[in-house]
Amino acid sequence: MYMMELGTVMAGIALAQISPGPNMMAVSSAALSGGRQPGLLSAVGVATGVFIWSVLFSFGIGAVIDAFPQSLTAMKLVGGGYFLYLALKSLWSCLKGSGSVGSARDNLYSPASKIGFTAYRTGLLVVLTNPKAALMWVAVSMFLASAQGTHPALIVIGVLASCSAMVIYGIYALLFSTGVAIRAYQRFFRVVDGIFGAVFGVIGSKILIDGMRDLRS
C-alpha cells in the first residue's frame, strides 16, 4: 500500500475522531464527573475499540456484514439500546441532583471503587456498539481493495487509528478534567448531565429507529 493512500485513509479517520460524537461524549463525561484518570481510561477504551474493529475486518467480518445485512441491523438495535441506557443514566443523575463532583461520579459510575474500569468499559462499548464505526471500517476496507491493499494493511491502519484515537481523546480527557472544567461542571452539573442525556438519547433513538426500519424492510 502506497504512503499516499495510507495518508488519505488516516486523514479521514483523524477528522472523524476529532469531530464531536459519541466517543467524545463518553470521554468528556468520564473526565468531568470523575477527573483525569477516568477520562484517560475512557480514551483508552475508545482506542481499544478502534483496534478491535480493525482486527475484525482484517479477519473478514466485512464480508459477513455484506452477506448477512441482518448483522448490521442487530448492531443498530444493540447500539441504539446502549446509547439510550447511557442517556437514562445521565438524565437520572440530572434529576436526582447532587452538589459535588464526587456524588455525581457515584451516580454515573457506580460503584465508585470500579470507576476506572467502568470508564474504560464505557469507552470501549461506545465504539463497539456504534454502527457508524463498523460502516467506517467497511469504507476503509473498500478503499483498500480499490487501492490493491491487503488485509494485513488493515491491522497497520488499525494500530495507527488506535494511536490517533488515544492522542485525540486523551487531549479531550485532559481538557475536560482541568480544574476550570470540573468547577464549571460542579456548578452546572444538572445542565451538563441533561445535555449529555439529551445527546445520547437523540443518537440512541436515531440508531434504534434505523434498526427497526431495517427489520420492517
C-alpha atoms as a PDB file:
ATOM      1  CA  MET A   1       0.000   0.000   0.000  1.00  0.00           C
ATOM      2  CA  TYR A   2       1.416   3.377  -1.003  1.00  0.00           C
ATOM      3  CA  MET A   3       2.076   6.125   1.517  1.00  0.00           C
ATOM      4  CA  MET A   4      -0.342   8.487  -0.251  1.00  0.00           C
ATOM      5  CA  GLU A   5      -3.229   6.029   0.147  1.00  0.00           C
ATOM      6  CA  LEU A   6      -2.275   5.413   3.773  1.00  0.00           C
ATOM      7  CA  GLY A   7      -2.126   9.145   4.425  1.00  0.00           C
ATOM      8  CA  THR A   8      -5.549   9.635   2.833  1.00  0.00           C
ATOM      9  CA  VAL A   9      -7.136   6.936   4.996  1.00  0.00           C
ATOM     10  CA  MET A  10      -5.537   8.232   8.181  1.00  0.00           C
ATOM     11  CA  ALA A  11      -6.551  11.825   7.438  1.00  0.00           C
ATOM     12  CA  GLY A  12     -10.167  10.746   7.062  1.00  0.00           C
ATOM     13  CA  ILE A  13     -10.061   8.705  10.263  1.00  0.00           C
ATOM     14  CA  ALA A  14      -8.435  11.538  12.229  1.00  0.00           C
ATOM     15  CA  LEU A  15     -11.061  14.032  11.031  1.00  0.00           C
ATOM     16  CA  ALA A  16     -13.818  11.635  12.097  1.00  0.00           C
ATOM     17  CA  GLN A  17     -12.193  11.248  15.520  1.00  0.00           C
ATOM     18  CA  ILE A  18     -11.765  14.994  16.044  1.00  0.00           C
ATOM     19  CA  SER A  19     -15.393  15.792  15.220  1.00  0.00           C
ATOM     20  CA  PRO A  20     -17.888  15.721  18.111  1.00  0.00           C
ATOM     21  CA  GLY A  21     -19.694  12.417  18.537  1.00  0.00           C
ATOM     22  CA  PRO A  22     -20.419   9.555  20.959  1.00  0.00           C
ATOM     23  CA  ASN A  23     -16.717   8.877  21.591  1.00  0.00           C
ATOM     24  CA  MET A  24     -16.040  12.455  22.633  1.00  0.00           C
ATOM     25  CA  MET A  25     -19.203  12.468  24.743  1.00  0.00           C
ATOM     26  CA  ALA A  26     -18.138   9.328  26.609  1.00  0.00           C
ATOM     27  CA  VAL A  27     -14.630  10.661  27.300  1.00  0.00           C
ATOM     28  CA  SER A  28     -15.752  14.133  28.326  1.00  0.00           C
ATOM     29  CA  SER A  29     -18.476  12.731  30.584  1.00  0.00           C
ATOM     30  CA  ALA A  30     -15.954  10.485  32.358  1.00  0.00           C
ATOM     31  CA  ALA A  31     -13.420  13.308  32.700  1.00  0.00           C
ATOM     32  CA  LEU A  32     -15.929  15.852  34.014  1.00  0.00           C
ATOM     33  CA  SER A  33     -17.563  13.557  36.536  1.00  0.00           C
ATOM     34  CA  GLY A  34     -14.540  11.548  37.636  1.00  0.00           C
ATOM     35  CA  GLY A  35     -11.412  13.525  36.797  1.00  0.00           C
ATOM     36  CA  ARG A  36      -8.303  12.907  34.728  1.00  0.00           C
ATOM     37  CA  GLN A  37      -7.822   9.178  35.344  1.00  0.00           C
ATOM     38  CA  PRO A  38     -11.356   8.065  34.375  1.00  0.00           C
ATOM     39  CA  GLY A  39     -11.225  10.385  31.357  1.00  0.00           C
ATOM     40  CA  LEU A  40      -7.949   8.884  30.153  1.00  0.00           C
ATOM     41  CA  LEU A  41      -9.176   5.338  30.817  1.00  0.00           C
ATOM     42  CA  SER A  42     -12.279   6.083  28.782  1.00  0.00           C
ATOM     43  CA  ALA A  43      -9.979   7.269  25.972  1.00  0.00           C
ATOM     44  CA  VAL A  44      -8.031   4.002  26.264  1.00  0.00           C
ATOM     45  CA  GLY A  45     -11.323   2.132  25.935  1.00  0.00           C
ATOM     46  CA  VAL A  46     -12.152   4.051  22.765  1.00  0.00           C
ATOM     47  CA  ALA A  47      -8.683   3.353  21.330  1.00  0.00           C
ATOM     48  CA  THR A  48      -9.045  -0.338  22.168  1.00  0.00           C
ATOM     49  CA  GLY A  49     -12.402  -0.480  20.391  1.00  0.00           C
ATOM     50  CA  VAL A  50     -10.915   1.146  17.292  1.00  0.00           C
ATOM     51  CA  PHE A  51      -8.186  -1.504  17.140  1.00  0.00           C
ATOM     52  CA  ILE A  52     -10.665  -4.349  17.700  1.00  0.00           C
ATOM     53  CA  TRP A  53     -12.711  -3.183  14.704  1.00  0.00           C
ATOM     54  CA  SER A  54      -9.604  -3.223  12.509  1.00  0.00           C
ATOM     55  CA  VAL A  55      -8.783  -6.774  13.643  1.00  0.00           C
ATOM     56  CA  LEU A  56     -12.328  -7.963  12.979  1.00  0.00           C
ATOM     57  CA  PHE A  57     -12.285  -6.531   9.472  1.00  0.00           C
ATOM     58  CA  SER A  58      -8.850  -7.997   8.779  1.00  0.00           C
ATOM     59  CA  PHE A  59     -10.406 -11.411   9.534  1.00  0.00           C
ATOM     60  CA  GLY A  60     -13.211 -10.797   7.055  1.00  0.00           C
ATOM     61  CA  ILE A  61     -16.123  -9.560   9.146  1.00  0.00           C
ATOM     62  CA  GLY A  62     -16.842  -7.083   6.355  1.00  0.00           C
ATOM     63  CA  ALA A  63     -17.753  -9.997   4.064  1.00  0.00           C
ATOM     64  CA  VAL A  64     -20.046 -11.348   6.789  1.00  0.00           C
ATOM     65  CA  ILE A  65     -21.816  -7.991   7.037  1.00  0.00           C
ATOM     66  CA  ASP A  66     -22.239  -7.888   3.248  1.00  0.00           C
ATOM     67  CA  ALA A  67     -23.593 -11.444   3.164  1.00  0.00           C
ATOM     68  CA  PHE A  68     -25.805 -11.005   6.226  1.00  0.00           C
ATOM     69  CA  PRO A  69     -27.051  -7.405   6.416  1.00  0.00           C
ATOM     70  CA  GLN A  70     -29.167  -8.518   9.377  1.00  0.00           C
ATOM     71  CA  SER A  71     -25.968  -8.398  11.454  1.00  0.00           C
ATOM     72  CA  LEU A  72     -25.768  -4.640  10.912  1.00  0.00           C
ATOM     73  CA  THR A  73     -29.442  -4.354  11.834  1.00  0.00           C
ATOM     74  CA  ALA A  74     -28.758  -6.248  15.063  1.00  0.00           C
ATOM     75  CA  MET A  75     -25.860  -3.901  15.783  1.00  0.00           C
ATOM     76  CA  LYS A  76     -28.154  -0.913  15.320  1.00  0.00           C
ATOM     77  CA  LEU A  77     -30.654  -2.343  17.790  1.00  0.00           C
ATOM     78  CA  VAL A  78     -27.985  -3.176  20.373  1.00  0.00           C
ATOM     79  CA  GLY A  79     -26.099   0.080  19.838  1.00  0.00           C
ATOM     80  CA  GLY A  80     -29.240   2.192  19.987  1.00  0.00           C
ATOM     81  CA  GLY A  81     -30.268   0.457  23.193  1.00  0.00           C
ATOM     82  CA  TYR A  82     -26.859   1.033  24.768  1.00  0.00           C
ATOM     83  CA  PHE A  83     -26.852   4.736  23.902  1.00  0.00           C
ATOM     84  CA  LEU A  84     -30.338   5.082  25.369  1.00  0.00           C
ATOM     85  CA  TYR A  85     -29.043   3.376  28.517  1.00  0.00           C
ATOM     86  CA  LEU A  86     -26.269   5.990  28.769  1.00  0.00           C
ATOM     87  CA  ALA A  87     -28.874   8.694  28.195  1.00  0.00           C
ATOM     88  CA  LEU A  88     -31.032   7.413  31.036  1.00  0.00           C
ATOM     89  CA  LYS A  89     -28.033   7.293  33.388  1.00  0.00           C
ATOM     90  CA  SER A  90     -27.154  10.910  32.649  1.00  0.00           C
ATOM     91  CA  LEU A  91     -30.766  12.070  32.893  1.00  0.00           C
ATOM     92  CA  TRP A  92     -31.196  10.210  36.194  1.00  0.00           C
ATOM     93  CA  SER A  93     -28.113  11.964  37.537  1.00  0.00           C
ATOM     94  CA  CYS A  94     -29.596  15.259  36.374  1.00  0.00           C
ATOM     95  CA  LEU A  95     -32.965  14.596  38.013  1.00  0.00           C
ATOM     96  CA  LYS A  96     -31.581  13.103  41.218  1.00  0.00           C
ATOM     97  CA  GLY A  97     -29.273  16.039  41.704  1.00  0.00           C
ATOM     98  CA  SER A  98     -26.103  16.263  43.733  1.00  0.00           C
ATOM     99  CA  GLY A  99     -23.935  19.061  44.942  1.00  0.00           C
ATOM    100  CA  SER A 100     -20.484  17.718  44.236  1.00  0.00           C
ATOM    101  CA  VAL A 101     -18.426  16.040  41.580  1.00  0.00           C
ATOM    102  CA  GLY A 102     -17.885  13.079  43.872  1.00  0.00           C
ATOM    103  CA  SER A 103     -21.569  12.291  44.232  1.00  0.00           C
ATOM    104  CA  ALA A 104     -22.169  12.842  40.533  1.00  0.00           C
ATOM    105  CA  ARG A 105     -19.397  10.350  39.903  1.00  0.00           C
ATOM    106  CA  ASP A 106     -21.186   7.801  42.072  1.00  0.00           C
ATOM    107  CA  ASN A 107     -24.346   8.272  40.020  1.00  0.00           C
ATOM    108  CA  LEU A 108     -22.573   7.809  36.684  1.00  0.00           C
ATOM    109  CA  TYR A 109     -20.020   5.169  37.642  1.00  0.00           C
ATOM    110  CA  SER A 110     -21.406   3.040  40.458  1.00  0.00           C
ATOM    111  CA  PRO A 111     -19.829   1.503  42.443  1.00  0.00           C
ATOM    112  CA  ALA A 112     -17.205   4.193  42.969  1.00  0.00           C
ATOM    113  CA  SER A 113     -14.412   1.659  43.607  1.00  0.00           C
ATOM    114  CA  LYS A 114     -14.743   0.499  39.993  1.00  0.00           C
ATOM    115  CA  ILE A 115     -14.882   3.933  38.387  1.00  0.00           C
ATOM    116  CA  GLY A 116     -11.755   3.346  36.296  1.00  0.00           C
ATOM    117  CA  PHE A 117     -12.925   0.020  34.892  1.00  0.00           C
ATOM    118  CA  THR A 118     -16.384   1.410  34.205  1.00  0.00           C
ATOM    119  CA  ALA A 119     -14.950   4.403  32.363  1.00  0.00           C
ATOM    120  CA  TYR A 120     -12.795   2.078  30.241  1.00  0.00           C
ATOM    121  CA  ARG A 121     -15.724  -0.238  29.551  1.00  0.00           C
ATOM    122  CA  THR A 122     -17.980   2.649  28.574  1.00  0.00           C
ATOM    123  CA  GLY A 123     -15.442   3.993  26.078  1.00  0.00           C
ATOM    124  CA  LEU A 124     -14.943   0.504  24.638  1.00  0.00           C
ATOM    125  CA  LEU A 125     -18.645  -0.305  24.307  1.00  0.00           C
ATOM    126  CA  VAL A 126     -19.487   3.078  22.784  1.00  0.00           C
ATOM    127  CA  VAL A 127     -17.153   2.223  19.905  1.00  0.00           C
ATOM    128  CA  LEU A 128     -18.072  -1.446  19.553  1.00  0.00           C
ATOM    129  CA  THR A 129     -21.848  -0.836  19.564  1.00  0.00           C
ATOM    130  CA  ASN A 130     -21.782   2.147  17.198  1.00  0.00           C
ATOM    131  CA  PRO A 131     -22.890   1.059  13.684  1.00  0.00           C
ATOM    132  CA  LYS A 132     -21.138   4.096  12.205  1.00  0.00           C
ATOM    133  CA  ALA A 133     -17.829   2.701  13.445  1.00  0.00           C
ATOM    134  CA  ALA A 134     -18.495  -0.532  11.546  1.00  0.00           C
ATOM    135  CA  LEU A 135     -19.522   1.394   8.423  1.00  0.00           C
ATOM    136  CA  MET A 136     -16.326   3.444   8.611  1.00  0.00           C
ATOM    137  CA  TRP A 137     -14.254   0.268   8.502  1.00  0.00           C
ATOM    138  CA  VAL A 138     -16.388  -1.017   5.629  1.00  0.00           C
ATOM    139  CA  ALA A 139     -15.401   2.126   3.739  1.00  0.00           C
ATOM    140  CA  VAL A 140     -11.736   1.661   4.684  1.00  0.00           C
ATOM    141  CA  SER A 141     -11.850  -1.951   3.501  1.00  0.00           C
ATOM    142  CA  MET A 142     -13.382  -0.934   0.174  1.00  0.00           C
ATOM    143  CA  PHE A 143     -10.752   1.770  -0.267  1.00  0.00           C
ATOM    144  CA  LEU A 144      -8.003  -0.745   0.420  1.00  0.00           C
ATOM    145  CA  ALA A 145      -9.488  -3.139  -2.126  1.00  0.00           C
ATOM    146  CA  SER A 146      -9.596  -0.420  -4.786  1.00  0.00           C
ATOM    147  CA  ALA A 147      -6.001   0.527  -3.963  1.00  0.00           C
ATOM    148  CA  GLN A 148      -4.943  -3.142  -4.097  1.00  0.00           C
ATOM    149  CA  GLY A 149      -4.267  -3.134  -0.396  1.00  0.00           C
ATOM    150  CA  THR A 150      -4.036  -6.283   1.701  1.00  0.00           C
ATOM    151  CA  HIS A 151      -5.848  -7.392   4.831  1.00  0.00           C
ATOM    152  CA  PRO A 152      -2.693  -7.002   6.963  1.00  0.00           C
ATOM    153  CA  ALA A 153      -2.795  -3.339   5.930  1.00  0.00           C
ATOM    154  CA  LEU A 154      -5.996  -3.084   7.985  1.00  0.00           C
ATOM    155  CA  ILE A 155      -4.014  -4.044  11.069  1.00  0.00           C
ATOM    156  CA  VAL A 156      -1.448  -1.343  10.318  1.00  0.00           C
ATOM    157  CA  ILE A 157      -4.218   1.205   9.842  1.00  0.00           C
ATOM    158  CA  GLY A 158      -5.902  -0.104  12.995  1.00  0.00           C
ATOM    159  CA  VAL A 159      -2.754   0.435  15.058  1.00  0.00           C
ATOM    160  CA  LEU A 160      -2.314   3.949  13.669  1.00  0.00           C
ATOM    161  CA  ALA A 161      -6.017   4.757  14.115  1.00  0.00           C
ATOM    162  CA  SER A 162      -5.893   3.437  17.675  1.00  0.00           C
ATOM    163  CA  CYS A 163      -2.865   5.627  18.435  1.00  0.00           C
ATOM    164  CA  SER A 164      -4.520   8.700  16.919  1.00  0.00           C
ATOM    165  CA  ALA A 165      -7.679   7.959  18.939  1.00  0.00           C
ATOM    166  CA  MET A 166      -5.618   7.761  22.126  1.00  0.00           C
ATOM    167  CA  VAL A 167      -3.946  11.097  21.353  1.00  0.00           C
ATOM    168  CA  ILE A 168      -7.122  12.922  20.291  1.00  0.00           C
ATOM    169  CA  TYR A 169      -9.421  11.606  23.006  1.00  0.00           C
ATOM    170  CA  GLY A 170      -6.611  11.788  25.551  1.00  0.00           C
ATOM    171  CA  ILE A 171      -6.398  15.518  24.831  1.00  0.00           C
ATOM    172  CA  TYR A 172     -10.168  15.772  25.263  1.00  0.00           C
ATOM    173  CA  ALA A 173      -9.842  13.938  28.583  1.00  0.00           C
ATOM    174  CA  LEU A 174      -7.147  16.332  29.801  1.00  0.00           C
ATOM    175  CA  LEU A 175      -9.124  19.380  28.697  1.00  0.00           C
ATOM    176  CA  PHE A 176     -12.338  18.262  30.378  1.00  0.00           C
ATOM    177  CA  SER A 177     -10.556  17.218  33.581  1.00  0.00           C
ATOM    178  CA  THR A 178      -8.966  20.622  34.240  1.00  0.00           C
ATOM    179  CA  GLY A 179      -9.881  22.454  37.412  1.00  0.00           C
ATOM    180  CA  VAL A 180     -11.832  25.068  35.466  1.00  0.00           C
ATOM    181  CA  ALA A 181     -13.897  22.427  33.653  1.00  0.00           C
ATOM    182  CA  ILE A 182     -14.616  20.424  36.806  1.00  0.00           C
ATOM    183  CA  ARG A 183     -15.553  23.521  38.791  1.00  0.00           C
ATOM    184  CA  ALA A 184     -17.913  24.561  35.993  1.00  0.00           C
ATOM    185  CA  TYR A 185     -19.384  21.059  35.973  1.00  0.00           C
ATOM    186  CA  GLN A 186     -19.764  21.141  39.762  1.00  0.00           C
ATOM    187  CA  ARG A 187     -21.707  24.367  39.443  1.00  0.00           C
ATOM    188  CA  PHE A 188     -23.813  23.437  36.417  1.00  0.00           C
ATOM    189  CA  PHE A 189     -23.829  19.632  36.667  1.00  0.00           C
ATOM    190  CA  ARG A 190     -27.605  19.412  36.179  1.00  0.00           C
ATOM    191  CA  VAL A 191     -27.386  21.268  32.882  1.00  0.00           C
ATOM    192  CA  VAL A 192     -24.327  19.313  31.706  1.00  0.00           C
ATOM    193  CA  ASP A 193     -25.802  15.919  32.619  1.00  0.00           C
ATOM    194  CA  GLY A 194     -29.051  16.951  30.972  1.00  0.00           C
ATOM    195  CA  ILE A 195     -27.182  17.834  27.779  1.00  0.00           C
ATOM    196  CA  PHE A 196     -25.282  14.536  27.843  1.00  0.00           C
ATOM    197  CA  GLY A 197     -28.532  12.658  28.365  1.00  0.00           C
ATOM    198  CA  ALA A 198     -30.301  14.531  25.566  1.00  0.00           C
ATOM    199  CA  VAL A 199     -27.473  13.999  23.073  1.00  0.00           C
ATOM    200  CA  PHE A 200     -27.087  10.308  23.871  1.00  0.00           C
ATOM    201  CA  GLY A 201     -30.866   9.980  23.710  1.00  0.00           C
ATOM    202  CA  VAL A 202     -31.047  11.543  20.254  1.00  0.00           C
ATOM    203  CA  ILE A 203     -28.192   9.357  18.984  1.00  0.00           C
ATOM    204  CA  GLY A 204     -29.637   6.193  20.501  1.00  0.00           C
ATOM    205  CA  SER A 205     -33.151   6.902  19.261  1.00  0.00           C
ATOM    206  CA  LYS A 206     -31.967   7.537  15.711  1.00  0.00           C
ATOM    207  CA  ILE A 207     -29.879   4.352  15.623  1.00  0.00           C
ATOM    208  CA  LEU A 208     -32.711   2.309  17.159  1.00  0.00           C
ATOM    209  CA  ILE A 209     -35.290   3.697  14.716  1.00  0.00           C
ATOM    210  CA  ASP A 210     -32.973   2.908  11.788  1.00  0.00           C
ATOM    211  CA  GLY A 211     -32.650  -0.652  13.065  1.00  0.00           C
ATOM    212  CA  MET A 212     -36.428  -1.037  13.409  1.00  0.00           C
ATOM    213  CA  ARG A 213     -36.899   0.276   9.872  1.00  0.00           C
ATOM    214  CA  ASP A 214     -34.408  -2.303   8.635  1.00  0.00           C
ATOM    215  CA  LEU A 215     -36.431  -5.038  10.347  1.00  0.00           C
ATOM    216  CA  ARG A 216     -39.606  -3.946   8.576  1.00  0.00           C
ATOM    217  CA  SER A 217     -37.990  -3.762   5.143  1.00  0.00           C
END
